[in-house]
C-alpha atoms as a PDB file:
ATOM      1  CA  UNK A   1      -0.041  -0.080   0.125  1.00  0.00           C
ATOM      2  CA  UNK A   2       0.961   3.469  -0.848  1.00  0.00           C
ATOM      3  CA  UNK A   3       2.135   5.585   2.699  1.00  0.00           C
ATOM      4  CA  UNK A   4      -1.022   6.592   4.519  1.00  0.00           C
ATOM      5  CA  UNK A   5      -1.371   9.938   6.435  1.00  0.00           C
ATOM      6  CA  UNK A   6      -4.286  11.155   8.599  1.00  0.00           C
ATOM      7  CA  UNK A   7      -6.610  14.040   7.975  1.00  0.00           C
ATOM      8  CA  UNK A   8      -8.082  15.139  11.178  1.00  0.00           C
ATOM      9  CA  UNK A   9     -10.790  18.151  11.681  1.00  0.00           C
ATOM     10  CA  UNK A  10     -10.963  17.360  15.877  1.00  0.00           C
ATOM     11  CA  UNK A  11     -14.430  16.200  15.519  1.00  0.00           C
ATOM     12  CA  UNK A  12     -16.818  17.069  18.278  1.00  0.00           C
ATOM     13  CA  UNK A  13     -19.114  14.156  18.945  1.00  0.00           C
ATOM     14  CA  UNK A  14     -22.691  14.237  19.907  1.00  0.00           C
ATOM     15  CA  UNK A  15     -22.740  14.200  23.998  1.00  0.00           C
ATOM     16  CA  UNK A  16     -19.274  15.496  24.114  1.00  0.00           C
ATOM     17  CA  UNK A  17     -17.279  18.774  23.946  1.00  0.00           C
ATOM     18  CA  UNK A  18     -14.564  20.886  22.117  1.00  0.00           C
ATOM     19  CA  UNK A  19     -12.325  19.955  24.921  1.00  0.00           C
ATOM     20  CA  UNK A  20     -12.729  16.072  24.539  1.00  0.00           C
ATOM     21  CA  UNK A  21     -12.306  16.924  20.569  1.00  0.00           C
ATOM     22  CA  UNK A  22      -8.517  18.249  21.191  1.00  0.00           C
ATOM     23  CA  UNK A  23      -7.652  15.858  23.863  1.00  0.00           C
ATOM     24  CA  UNK A  24      -8.604  13.316  21.368  1.00  0.00           C
ATOM     25  CA  UNK A  25      -6.784  14.645  18.603  1.00  0.00           C
ATOM     26  CA  UNK A  26      -3.576  14.467  20.235  1.00  0.00           C
ATOM     27  CA  UNK A  27      -4.469  11.296  21.734  1.00  0.00           C
ATOM     28  CA  UNK A  28      -5.078   9.996  18.006  1.00  0.00           C
ATOM     29  CA  UNK A  29      -1.604  11.684  16.672  1.00  0.00           C
ATOM     30  CA  UNK A  30       0.298  10.082  19.452  1.00  0.00           C
ATOM     31  CA  UNK A  31      -0.906   6.415  18.268  1.00  0.00           C
ATOM     32  CA  UNK A  32      -0.486   7.393  14.445  1.00  0.00           C
ATOM     33  CA  UNK A  33       3.051   8.322  14.861  1.00  0.00           C
ATOM     34  CA  UNK A  34       3.346   4.963  16.978  1.00  0.00           C
ATOM     35  CA  UNK A  35       1.601   3.110  14.057  1.00  0.00           C
ATOM     36  CA  UNK A  36       4.029   4.687  11.203  1.00  0.00           C
ATOM     37  CA  UNK A  37       1.146   7.113   9.471  1.00  0.00           C
ATOM     38  CA  UNK A  38       3.178   9.705   7.273  1.00  0.00           C
ATOM     39  CA  UNK A  39       1.595  12.913   7.985  1.00  0.00           C
ATOM     40  CA  UNK A  40      -1.333  14.300  10.595  1.00  0.00           C
ATOM     41  CA  UNK A  41      -2.856  17.466   9.157  1.00  0.00           C
ATOM     42  CA  UNK A  42      -5.451  19.515  10.437  1.00  0.00           C
ATOM     43  CA  UNK A  43      -8.272  21.177   8.501  1.00  0.00           C
ATOM     44  CA  UNK A  44      -9.347  24.926   8.770  1.00  0.00           C
ATOM     45  CA  UNK A  45     -13.092  25.266   9.137  1.00  0.00           C
ATOM     46  CA  UNK A  46     -15.025  27.758  11.215  1.00  0.00           C
ATOM     47  CA  UNK A  47     -18.523  28.612  12.759  1.00  0.00           C
ATOM     48  CA  UNK A  48     -19.192  24.349  12.783  1.00  0.00           C
ATOM     49  CA  UNK A  49     -20.277  22.861  15.955  1.00  0.00           C
ATOM     50  CA  UNK A  50     -18.865  19.531  15.011  1.00  0.00           C
ATOM     51  CA  UNK A  51     -15.393  20.885  14.078  1.00  0.00           C
ATOM     52  CA  UNK A  52     -12.763  22.301  16.587  1.00  0.00           C
ATOM     53  CA  UNK A  53      -9.725  22.823  14.547  1.00  0.00           C
ATOM     54  CA  UNK A  54     -10.622  26.559  13.516  1.00  0.00           C
ATOM     55  CA  UNK A  55      -7.355  27.618  15.263  1.00  0.00           C
ATOM     56  CA  UNK A  56      -5.361  25.623  12.620  1.00  0.00           C
ATOM     57  CA  UNK A  57      -1.814  26.883  13.739  1.00  0.00           C
ATOM     58  CA  UNK A  58      -2.402  26.535  17.252  1.00  0.00           C
ATOM     59  CA  UNK A  59      -3.694  23.407  17.125  1.00  0.00           C
ATOM     60  CA  UNK A  60      -0.815  22.072  14.932  1.00  0.00           C
ATOM     61  CA  UNK A  61       1.363  23.665  17.614  1.00  0.00           C
ATOM     62  CA  UNK A  62      -0.369  21.700  20.035  1.00  0.00           C
ATOM     63  CA  UNK A  63       0.096  18.485  17.995  1.00  0.00           C
ATOM     64  CA  UNK A  64       3.584  18.465  16.843  1.00  0.00           C
ATOM     65  CA  UNK A  65       4.737  19.700  20.692  1.00  0.00           C
ATOM     66  CA  UNK A  66       3.058  16.283  22.065  1.00  0.00           C
ATOM     67  CA  UNK A  67       4.858  13.993  19.393  1.00  0.00           C
ATOM     68  CA  UNK A  68       7.906  13.599  18.421  1.00  0.00           C
ATOM     69  CA  UNK A  69       8.558  12.326  14.425  1.00  0.00           C
ATOM     70  CA  UNK A  70       5.479  12.505  12.423  1.00  0.00           C
ATOM     71  CA  UNK A  71       5.132  15.377  10.433  1.00  0.00           C
ATOM     72  CA  UNK A  72       1.987  17.851  10.953  1.00  0.00           C
ATOM     73  CA  UNK A  73       0.671  20.208   9.025  1.00  0.00           C
ATOM     74  CA  UNK A  74      -2.717  21.861   7.227  1.00  0.00           C
ATOM     75  CA  UNK A  75      -4.783  20.149   5.217  1.00  0.00           C
ATOM     76  CA  UNK A  76      -5.460  22.941   4.807  1.00  0.00           C
ATOM     77  CA  UNK A  77      -4.890  26.357   5.727  1.00  0.00           C
ATOM     78  CA  UNK A  78      -7.990  28.470   3.713  1.00  0.00           C
ATOM     79  CA  UNK A  79      -5.774  31.196   2.157  1.00  0.00           C
ATOM     80  CA  UNK A  80      -8.403  33.374   1.258  1.00  0.00           C
ATOM     81  CA  UNK A  81      -9.267  34.169   4.834  1.00  0.00           C
ATOM     82  CA  UNK A  82      -5.672  35.336   5.687  1.00  0.00           C
ATOM     83  CA  UNK A  83      -3.099  37.712   4.939  1.00  0.00           C
ATOM     84  CA  UNK A  84       0.129  35.744   3.137  1.00  0.00           C
ATOM     85  CA  UNK A  85       2.461  37.104   6.012  1.00  0.00           C
ATOM     86  CA  UNK A  86       0.806  36.050   9.157  1.00  0.00           C
ATOM     87  CA  UNK A  87       0.229  32.556   7.238  1.00  0.00           C
ATOM     88  CA  UNK A  88       4.304  32.871   6.576  1.00  0.00           C
ATOM     89  CA  UNK A  89       4.798  33.723  10.109  1.00  0.00           C
ATOM     90  CA  UNK A  90       3.140  31.617  11.994  1.00  0.00           C
ATOM     91  CA  UNK A  91       4.081  28.290   9.832  1.00  0.00           C
ATOM     92  CA  UNK A  92       7.691  29.967   9.917  1.00  0.00           C
ATOM     93  CA  UNK A  93       7.541  29.742  13.709  1.00  0.00           C
ATOM     94  CA  UNK A  94       6.222  25.957  13.361  1.00  0.00           C
ATOM     95  CA  UNK A  95       9.237  25.048  11.348  1.00  0.00           C
ATOM     96  CA  UNK A  96      11.407  26.933  13.629  1.00  0.00           C
ATOM     97  CA  UNK A  97       9.974  25.247  16.707  1.00  0.00           C
ATOM     98  CA  UNK A  98       9.681  21.616  15.095  1.00  0.00           C
ATOM     99  CA  UNK A  99      12.243  21.520  12.121  1.00  0.00           C
ATOM    100  CA  UNK A 100      11.719  19.109   9.291  1.00  0.00           C
ATOM    101  CA  UNK A 101       8.299  18.087  10.330  1.00  0.00           C
ATOM    102  CA  UNK A 102       5.777  21.156   9.227  1.00  0.00           C
ATOM    103  CA  UNK A 103       3.527  20.901   6.107  1.00  0.00           C
ATOM    104  CA  UNK A 104       1.907  23.587   5.319  1.00  0.00           C
ATOM    105  CA  UNK A 105      -1.291  22.671   2.523  1.00  0.00           C
ATOM    106  CA  UNK A 106      -3.219  25.880   1.300  1.00  0.00           C
ATOM    107  CA  UNK A 107      -7.046  25.733  -0.144  1.00  0.00           C
ATOM    108  CA  UNK A 108      -8.806  28.435  -2.034  1.00  0.00           C
ATOM    109  CA  UNK A 109     -12.211  28.039  -0.479  1.00  0.00           C
ATOM    110  CA  UNK A 110     -13.257  29.988   2.673  1.00  0.00           C
ATOM    111  CA  UNK A 111     -13.620  26.768   4.634  1.00  0.00           C
ATOM    112  CA  UNK A 112     -17.676  28.378   6.085  1.00  0.00           C
ATOM    113  CA  UNK A 113     -20.495  29.780   5.170  1.00  0.00           C
ATOM    114  CA  UNK A 114     -20.374  33.574   3.440  1.00  0.00           C
ATOM    115  CA  UNK A 115     -21.516  35.201   6.502  1.00  0.00           C
ATOM    116  CA  UNK A 116     -18.423  33.642   8.652  1.00  0.00           C
ATOM    117  CA  UNK A 117     -15.903  34.212   5.301  1.00  0.00           C
ATOM    118  CA  UNK A 118     -17.042  38.025   5.891  1.00  0.00           C
ATOM    119  CA  UNK A 119     -16.573  38.219   9.318  1.00  0.00           C
ATOM    120  CA  UNK A 120     -12.939  36.571   8.868  1.00  0.00           C
ATOM    121  CA  UNK A 121     -11.876  38.409   6.016  1.00  0.00           C
ATOM    122  CA  UNK A 122     -12.645  42.176   6.779  1.00  0.00           C
ATOM    123  CA  UNK A 123      -9.289  43.178   7.737  1.00  0.00           C
ATOM    124  CA  UNK A 124      -7.886  42.276   4.385  1.00  0.00           C
ATOM    125  CA  UNK A 125      -7.958  44.894   1.514  1.00  0.00           C
ATOM    126  CA  UNK A 126      -9.187  41.968  -1.044  1.00  0.00           C
ATOM    127  CA  UNK A 127     -11.624  39.197  -0.917  1.00  0.00           C
ATOM    128  CA  UNK A 128     -11.456  37.979  -4.358  1.00  0.00           C
ATOM    129  CA  UNK A 129     -10.572  34.303  -4.293  1.00  0.00           C
ATOM    130  CA  UNK A 130      -9.058  34.894  -7.887  1.00  0.00           C
ATOM    131  CA  UNK A 131      -5.989  36.352  -5.757  1.00  0.00           C
ATOM    132  CA  UNK A 132      -5.296  32.723  -4.637  1.00  0.00           C
ATOM    133  CA  UNK A 133      -2.222  31.825  -6.724  1.00  0.00           C
ATOM    134  CA  UNK A 134      -1.052  35.314  -6.631  1.00  0.00           C
ATOM    135  CA  UNK A 135      -1.078  35.001  -3.027  1.00  0.00           C
ATOM    136  CA  UNK A 136       0.375  31.627  -3.082  1.00  0.00           C
ATOM    137  CA  UNK A 137       3.466  32.794  -4.509  1.00  0.00           C
ATOM    138  CA  UNK A 138       3.949  35.539  -2.168  1.00  0.00           C
ATOM    139  CA  UNK A 139       3.518  33.183   0.720  1.00  0.00           C
ATOM    140  CA  UNK A 140       6.037  30.774  -1.017  1.00  0.00           C
ATOM    141  CA  UNK A 141       8.365  33.959  -0.932  1.00  0.00           C
ATOM    142  CA  UNK A 142       8.304  34.761   2.378  1.00  0.00           C
ATOM    143  CA  UNK A 143       9.611  31.155   3.197  1.00  0.00           C
ATOM    144  CA  UNK A 144      12.450  30.963   0.513  1.00  0.00           C
ATOM    145  CA  UNK A 145      15.949  32.229   1.143  1.00  0.00           C
ATOM    146  CA  UNK A 146      16.098  35.950   1.943  1.00  0.00           C
ATOM    147  CA  UNK A 147      16.532  38.144  -1.014  1.00  0.00           C
ATOM    148  CA  UNK A 148      18.824  41.462  -1.195  1.00  0.00           C
ATOM    149  CA  UNK A 149      16.502  44.498  -0.568  1.00  0.00           C
ATOM    150  CA  UNK A 150      13.673  42.572   0.601  1.00  0.00           C
ATOM    151  CA  UNK A 151      11.285  45.186   2.250  1.00  0.00           C
ATOM    152  CA  UNK A 152       9.039  42.475   4.405  1.00  0.00           C
ATOM    153  CA  UNK A 153      10.064  39.600   5.523  1.00  0.00           C
ATOM    154  CA  UNK A 154       8.664  36.767   7.929  1.00  0.00           C
ATOM    155  CA  UNK A 155      10.610  36.496  11.000  1.00  0.00           C
ATOM    156  CA  UNK A 156      10.754  33.499  12.038  1.00  0.00           C
ATOM    157  CA  UNK A 157       9.682  31.930   8.776  1.00  0.00           C
ATOM    158  CA  UNK A 158      12.660  33.333   6.191  1.00  0.00           C
ATOM    159  CA  UNK A 159      14.484  30.404   4.838  1.00  0.00           C
ATOM    160  CA  UNK A 160      12.833  27.619   6.509  1.00  0.00           C
ATOM    161  CA  UNK A 161      11.226  26.687   3.172  1.00  0.00           C
ATOM    162  CA  UNK A 162       8.563  25.154   4.507  1.00  0.00           C
ATOM    163  CA  UNK A 163       6.941  22.603   2.056  1.00  0.00           C
ATOM    164  CA  UNK A 164       3.366  24.040   0.304  1.00  0.00           C
ATOM    165  CA  UNK A 165       0.800  21.603  -1.166  1.00  0.00           C
ATOM    166  CA  UNK A 166      -1.975  22.967  -2.950  1.00  0.00           C
ATOM    167  CA  UNK A 167      -5.509  21.303  -2.117  1.00  0.00           C
ATOM    168  CA  UNK A 168      -8.033  21.259  -4.439  1.00  0.00           C
ATOM    169  CA  UNK A 169     -11.451  19.417  -4.733  1.00  0.00           C
ATOM    170  CA  UNK A 170     -12.169  20.837  -8.713  1.00  0.00           C
ATOM    171  CA  UNK A 171      -9.689  20.645 -11.677  1.00  0.00           C
ATOM    172  CA  UNK A 172      -8.503  24.627 -10.297  1.00  0.00           C
ATOM    173  CA  UNK A 173      -6.273  23.236  -7.736  1.00  0.00           C
ATOM    174  CA  UNK A 174      -4.733  20.466 -10.053  1.00  0.00           C
ATOM    175  CA  UNK A 175      -3.731  23.030 -12.500  1.00  0.00           C
ATOM    176  CA  UNK A 176      -2.110  25.542 -10.188  1.00  0.00           C
ATOM    177  CA  UNK A 177      -0.224  22.693  -8.610  1.00  0.00           C
ATOM    178  CA  UNK A 178       0.821  21.735 -11.537  1.00  0.00           C
ATOM    179  CA  UNK A 179       2.054  24.836 -13.028  1.00  0.00           C
ATOM    180  CA  UNK A 180       3.914  25.716  -9.785  1.00  0.00           C
ATOM    181  CA  UNK A 181       5.265  22.345  -9.649  1.00  0.00           C
ATOM    182  CA  UNK A 182       3.763  21.765  -6.233  1.00  0.00           C
ATOM    183  CA  UNK A 183       2.317  18.459  -4.711  1.00  0.00           C
ATOM    184  CA  UNK A 184      -1.173  18.193  -4.718  1.00  0.00           C
ATOM    185  CA  UNK A 185      -3.765  16.940  -2.259  1.00  0.00           C
ATOM    186  CA  UNK A 186      -7.488  16.202  -3.672  1.00  0.00           C
ATOM    187  CA  UNK A 187     -10.411  16.485  -1.090  1.00  0.00           C
ATOM    188  CA  UNK A 188     -12.075  13.116  -2.559  1.00  0.00           C
ATOM    189  CA  UNK A 189     -13.208  12.150   0.930  1.00  0.00           C
ATOM    190  CA  UNK A 190     -16.405  14.859   0.184  1.00  0.00           C
ATOM    191  CA  UNK A 191     -16.262  15.848  -3.096  1.00  0.00           C
ATOM    192  CA  UNK A 192     -14.929  12.877  -5.436  1.00  0.00           C
ATOM    193  CA  UNK A 193     -17.003  13.215  -8.885  1.00  0.00           C
ATOM    194  CA  UNK A 194     -13.674  15.418 -10.505  1.00  0.00           C
ATOM    195  CA  UNK A 195     -10.899  13.125  -9.061  1.00  0.00           C
ATOM    196  CA  UNK A 196      -9.716  10.966 -11.799  1.00  0.00           C
ATOM    197  CA  UNK A 197      -9.995  13.862 -13.912  1.00  0.00           C
ATOM    198  CA  UNK A 198      -7.681  15.919 -11.700  1.00  0.00           C
ATOM    199  CA  UNK A 199      -5.394  13.410 -11.276  1.00  0.00           C
ATOM    200  CA  UNK A 200      -4.843  13.188 -15.141  1.00  0.00           C
ATOM    201  CA  UNK A 201      -4.537  17.066 -15.651  1.00  0.00           C
ATOM    202  CA  UNK A 202      -2.048  17.347 -12.583  1.00  0.00           C
ATOM    203  CA  UNK A 203       0.469  14.463 -14.307  1.00  0.00           C
ATOM    204  CA  UNK A 204       0.152  15.635 -17.663  1.00  0.00           C
ATOM    205  CA  UNK A 205       0.894  19.497 -16.929  1.00  0.00           C
ATOM    206  CA  UNK A 206       2.962  19.139 -14.098  1.00  0.00           C
ATOM    207  CA  UNK A 207       6.140  21.639 -14.801  1.00  0.00           C
ATOM    208  CA  UNK A 208       9.053  20.318 -12.494  1.00  0.00           C
ATOM    209  CA  UNK A 209      10.501  22.568  -9.746  1.00  0.00           C
ATOM    210  CA  UNK A 210      13.284  22.137  -7.689  1.00  0.00           C
ATOM    211  CA  UNK A 211      11.600  20.764  -4.945  1.00  0.00           C
ATOM    212  CA  UNK A 212       9.762  18.642  -6.854  1.00  0.00           C
ATOM    213  CA  UNK A 213      11.051  17.191 -10.243  1.00  0.00           C
ATOM    214  CA  UNK A 214       8.345  15.039 -10.401  1.00  0.00           C
ATOM    215  CA  UNK A 215       4.519  15.226  -9.737  1.00  0.00           C
ATOM    216  CA  UNK A 216       3.167  14.141  -6.349  1.00  0.00           C
ATOM    217  CA  UNK A 217      -0.447  13.616  -5.674  1.00  0.00           C
ATOM    218  CA  UNK A 218      -2.335  12.478  -2.254  1.00  0.00           C
ATOM    219  CA  UNK A 219      -5.976  11.610  -2.652  1.00  0.00           C
ATOM    220  CA  UNK A 220      -8.227  12.018   0.514  1.00  0.00           C
ATOM    221  CA  UNK A 221     -10.533   9.080   1.404  1.00  0.00           C
ATOM    222  CA  UNK A 222     -12.812   8.157   4.135  1.00  0.00           C
ATOM    223  CA  UNK A 223     -12.013   5.093   5.965  1.00  0.00           C
ATOM    224  CA  UNK A 224     -14.138   3.403   8.734  1.00  0.00           C
ATOM    225  CA  UNK A 225     -12.456  -0.199   9.591  1.00  0.00           C
ATOM    226  CA  UNK A 226     -13.751  -2.525  11.943  1.00  0.00           C
ATOM    227  CA  UNK A 227     -13.595  -5.899  12.717  1.00  0.00           C
ATOM    228  CA  UNK A 228     -16.171  -7.138  10.833  1.00  0.00           C
ATOM    229  CA  UNK A 229     -17.735  -5.673   7.672  1.00  0.00           C
ATOM    230  CA  UNK A 230     -21.190  -5.340   9.626  1.00  0.00           C
ATOM    231  CA  UNK A 231     -19.523  -3.245  12.266  1.00  0.00           C
ATOM    232  CA  UNK A 232     -17.884  -1.130   9.630  1.00  0.00           C
ATOM    233  CA  UNK A 233     -21.366  -0.456   8.182  1.00  0.00           C
ATOM    234  CA  UNK A 234     -22.691   0.511  11.656  1.00  0.00           C
ATOM    235  CA  UNK A 235     -19.751   2.824  12.266  1.00  0.00           C
ATOM    236  CA  UNK A 236     -20.339   4.167   8.945  1.00  0.00           C
ATOM    237  CA  UNK A 237     -23.606   5.794   9.526  1.00  0.00           C
ATOM    238  CA  UNK A 238     -22.614   8.529  11.620  1.00  0.00           C
ATOM    239  CA  UNK A 239     -20.843  10.106   8.682  1.00  0.00           C
ATOM    240  CA  UNK A 240     -23.715   9.128   6.647  1.00  0.00           C
ATOM    241  CA  UNK A 241     -25.960  11.315   8.399  1.00  0.00           C
ATOM    242  CA  UNK A 242     -23.629  14.379   8.699  1.00  0.00           C
ATOM    243  CA  UNK A 243     -23.473  14.216   5.040  1.00  0.00           C
ATOM    244  CA  UNK A 244     -27.314  14.182   5.216  1.00  0.00           C
ATOM    245  CA  UNK A 245     -27.483  16.668   7.329  1.00  0.00           C
ATOM    246  CA  UNK A 246     -25.181  18.871   5.477  1.00  0.00           C
ATOM    247  CA  UNK A 247     -27.710  18.094   2.037  1.00  0.00           C
ATOM    248  CA  UNK A 248     -30.483  19.416   4.487  1.00  0.00           C
ATOM    249  CA  UNK A 249     -28.416  22.520   5.999  1.00  0.00           C
ATOM    250  CA  UNK A 250     -28.220  21.290   8.899  1.00  0.00           C
ATOM    251  CA  UNK A 251     -25.086  21.052  10.881  1.00  0.00           C
ATOM    252  CA  UNK A 252     -23.931  19.613  14.288  1.00  0.00           C
ATOM    253  CA  UNK A 253     -21.781  17.743  15.898  1.00  0.00           C
ATOM    254  CA  UNK A 254     -20.935  13.963  14.892  1.00  0.00           C
ATOM    255  CA  UNK A 255     -23.893  11.860  15.605  1.00  0.00           C
ATOM    256  CA  UNK A 256     -24.173   8.523  17.486  1.00  0.00           C
ATOM    257  CA  UNK A 257     -24.420   5.500  14.813  1.00  0.00           C
ATOM    258  CA  UNK A 258     -27.712   3.738  14.432  1.00  0.00           C
ATOM    259  CA  UNK A 259     -28.216   0.156  13.333  1.00  0.00           C
ATOM    260  CA  UNK A 260     -29.605   1.483   9.506  1.00  0.00           C
ATOM    261  CA  UNK A 261     -30.256   4.264   7.470  1.00  0.00           C
ATOM    262  CA  UNK A 262     -33.755   3.328   6.708  1.00  0.00           C
ATOM    263  CA  UNK A 263     -36.043   5.804   7.273  1.00  0.00           C
ATOM    264  CA  UNK A 264     -33.473   8.611   7.612  1.00  0.00           C
ATOM    265  CA  UNK A 265     -33.502   9.618   4.329  1.00  0.00           C
ATOM    266  CA  UNK A 266     -35.510   9.693   1.076  1.00  0.00           C
ATOM    267  CA  UNK A 267     -34.065   7.865  -2.397  1.00  0.00           C
ATOM    268  CA  UNK A 268     -32.758  10.916  -3.807  1.00  0.00           C
ATOM    269  CA  UNK A 269     -30.654  11.910  -0.379  1.00  0.00           C
ATOM    270  CA  UNK A 270     -29.340   8.279  -0.207  1.00  0.00           C
ATOM    271  CA  UNK A 271     -27.945   9.110  -3.701  1.00  0.00           C
ATOM    272  CA  UNK A 272     -26.385  12.204  -2.762  1.00  0.00           C
ATOM    273  CA  UNK A 273     -24.721  10.946   0.375  1.00  0.00           C
ATOM    274  CA  UNK A 274     -23.292   8.122  -1.344  1.00  0.00           C
ATOM    275  CA  UNK A 275     -22.342   9.968  -4.432  1.00  0.00           C
ATOM    276  CA  UNK A 276     -20.271  12.427  -1.906  1.00  0.00           C
ATOM    277  CA  UNK A 277     -18.821   9.414  -0.154  1.00  0.00           C
ATOM    278  CA  UNK A 278     -17.626   7.656  -3.387  1.00  0.00           C
ATOM    279  CA  UNK A 279     -14.097   7.751  -2.060  1.00  0.00           C
ATOM    280  CA  UNK A 280     -15.081   5.488   1.168  1.00  0.00           C
ATOM    281  CA  UNK A 281     -13.584   2.049   2.212  1.00  0.00           C
ATOM    282  CA  UNK A 282     -15.741   0.555   4.882  1.00  0.00           C
ATOM    283  CA  UNK A 283     -15.597  -2.551   6.881  1.00  0.00           C
ATOM    284  CA  UNK A 284     -13.247  -5.365   7.717  1.00  0.00           C
ATOM    285  CA  UNK A 285      -9.531  -5.326   6.887  1.00  0.00           C
ATOM    286  CA  UNK A 286      -9.924  -7.338   3.765  1.00  0.00           C
ATOM    287  CA  UNK A 287     -13.023  -5.222   2.438  1.00  0.00           C
ATOM    288  CA  UNK A 288     -10.996  -1.851   3.440  1.00  0.00           C
ATOM    289  CA  UNK A 289      -7.882  -3.242   1.775  1.00  0.00           C
ATOM    290  CA  UNK A 290      -9.513  -3.936  -1.574  1.00  0.00           C
ATOM    291  CA  UNK A 291     -11.612  -0.906  -1.844  1.00  0.00           C
ATOM    292  CA  UNK A 292      -8.305   1.244  -1.112  1.00  0.00           C
ATOM    293  CA  UNK A 293      -6.529  -0.765  -3.576  1.00  0.00           C
ATOM    294  CA  UNK A 294      -8.865  -0.073  -6.448  1.00  0.00           C
ATOM    295  CA  UNK A 295      -9.016   3.545  -5.200  1.00  0.00           C
ATOM    296  CA  UNK A 296      -5.053   3.751  -5.821  1.00  0.00           C
ATOM    297  CA  UNK A 297      -5.079   1.774  -9.040  1.00  0.00           C
ATOM    298  CA  UNK A 298      -7.710   4.040 -10.407  1.00  0.00           C
ATOM    299  CA  UNK A 299      -6.221   7.325  -9.502  1.00  0.00           C
ATOM    300  CA  UNK A 300      -2.317   6.529  -9.323  1.00  0.00           C
ATOM    301  CA  UNK A 301      -2.081   8.185  -5.841  1.00  0.00           C
ATOM    302  CA  UNK A 302       1.140   8.346  -4.544  1.00  0.00           C
ATOM    303  CA  UNK A 303      -0.065   8.729  -0.939  1.00  0.00           C
ATOM    304  CA  UNK A 304      -3.499   8.187   1.062  1.00  0.00           C
ATOM    305  CA  UNK A 305      -4.645  10.912   3.576  1.00  0.00           C
ATOM    306  CA  UNK A 306      -7.532   9.376   5.616  1.00  0.00           C
ATOM    307  CA  UNK A 307     -10.538  10.939   7.010  1.00  0.00           C
ATOM    308  CA  UNK A 308     -12.288   8.782   9.903  1.00  0.00           C
ATOM    309  CA  UNK A 309     -15.328  10.245  11.235  1.00  0.00           C
ATOM    310  CA  UNK A 310     -16.173   7.638  13.793  1.00  0.00           C
ATOM    311  CA  UNK A 311     -18.398   8.836  17.116  1.00  0.00           C
ATOM    312  CA  UNK A 312     -16.657   6.782  19.692  1.00  0.00           C
ATOM    313  CA  UNK A 313     -12.915   7.360  19.981  1.00  0.00           C
ATOM    314  CA  UNK A 314     -11.858   4.050  20.950  1.00  0.00           C
ATOM    315  CA  UNK A 315     -13.390   2.752  17.717  1.00  0.00           C
ATOM    316  CA  UNK A 316     -11.344   5.536  15.655  1.00  0.00           C
ATOM    317  CA  UNK A 317      -8.238   4.185  16.790  1.00  0.00           C
ATOM    318  CA  UNK A 318      -9.452   1.077  16.278  1.00  0.00           C
ATOM    319  CA  UNK A 319     -10.006   1.605  12.765  1.00  0.00           C
ATOM    320  CA  UNK A 320      -6.595   3.166  12.010  1.00  0.00           C
ATOM    321  CA  UNK A 321      -4.938   0.766  14.262  1.00  0.00           C
ATOM    322  CA  UNK A 322      -6.391  -1.624  11.664  1.00  0.00           C
ATOM    323  CA  UNK A 323      -5.419   0.428   8.555  1.00  0.00           C
ATOM    324  CA  UNK A 324      -1.913   0.680   9.661  1.00  0.00           C
ATOM    325  CA  UNK A 325      -1.537  -2.961   9.950  1.00  0.00           C
ATOM    326  CA  UNK A 326      -3.074  -3.261   6.544  1.00  0.00           C
ATOM    327  CA  UNK A 327       0.159  -1.007   5.071  1.00  0.00           C
ATOM    328  CA  UNK A 328       2.504  -2.836   7.106  1.00  0.00           C
ATOM    329  CA  UNK A 329       1.593  -6.322   5.687  1.00  0.00           C
END
């Protein structure tokens, strides 16, 4: 199996709170390090009752400080919400505290609703997401080696050369990553429709860069691994309920699993949720392995980054433990 990484949103589950979510994220990261996962990334979201990773750089520092070797990063920072210099200073500080362990994944979406996005961006001169390529280049310049006469520098940050990734759920991110010669991560764990087309565009149009002479693609997948196919299907209902709520415009903590989704959705809703969760492997170890192998074969992914939305923390740890065993086999 290709190398495996973890995408964590510090999920707040039904009946619990943000403090527990943050404790569980650190506990998961420590287990992931012991089990051999390559990266532990945290995603920026705002104004969501079920997600505690809004202050992404702060949480990355917490996770990196509580682990020893695993790479920790953003999957991603939503750059339109921030001034590039601020992110360069934050991640330059992280890279100074934790050398050779920090990744900076950048996304173009706001990671929230439009009202919250305006609240986040009200201090910026521009709110145009089309400024994203310019902002990425500006940010990378702050992290590169200092240039003579450079009027503005990120301190800490300058010279740290934090690895930058482009994240996306459409063809735009694939094109930009290829043009800049950067690694690319596709968010197929919630938006799989353009996955294969994006991978092809990224590979076919990639322009080699000094750090990345070859394309490097990571694919986001949902994995619910359990000791049986039936238990995996039961645990998956938490994620299915969350996506059903998204379709209905209802957000909240991650629901408890239910015996069956029958009666909770209509046929159109079922189809929509299953389409959004197409990049999902669920069940016992053998079934999960077959489904992940098929995704890798279809996409040519160099890495998989795994999101596991399970209500019970012990069951979530067990899922990642089973998956790590498959990778080691």
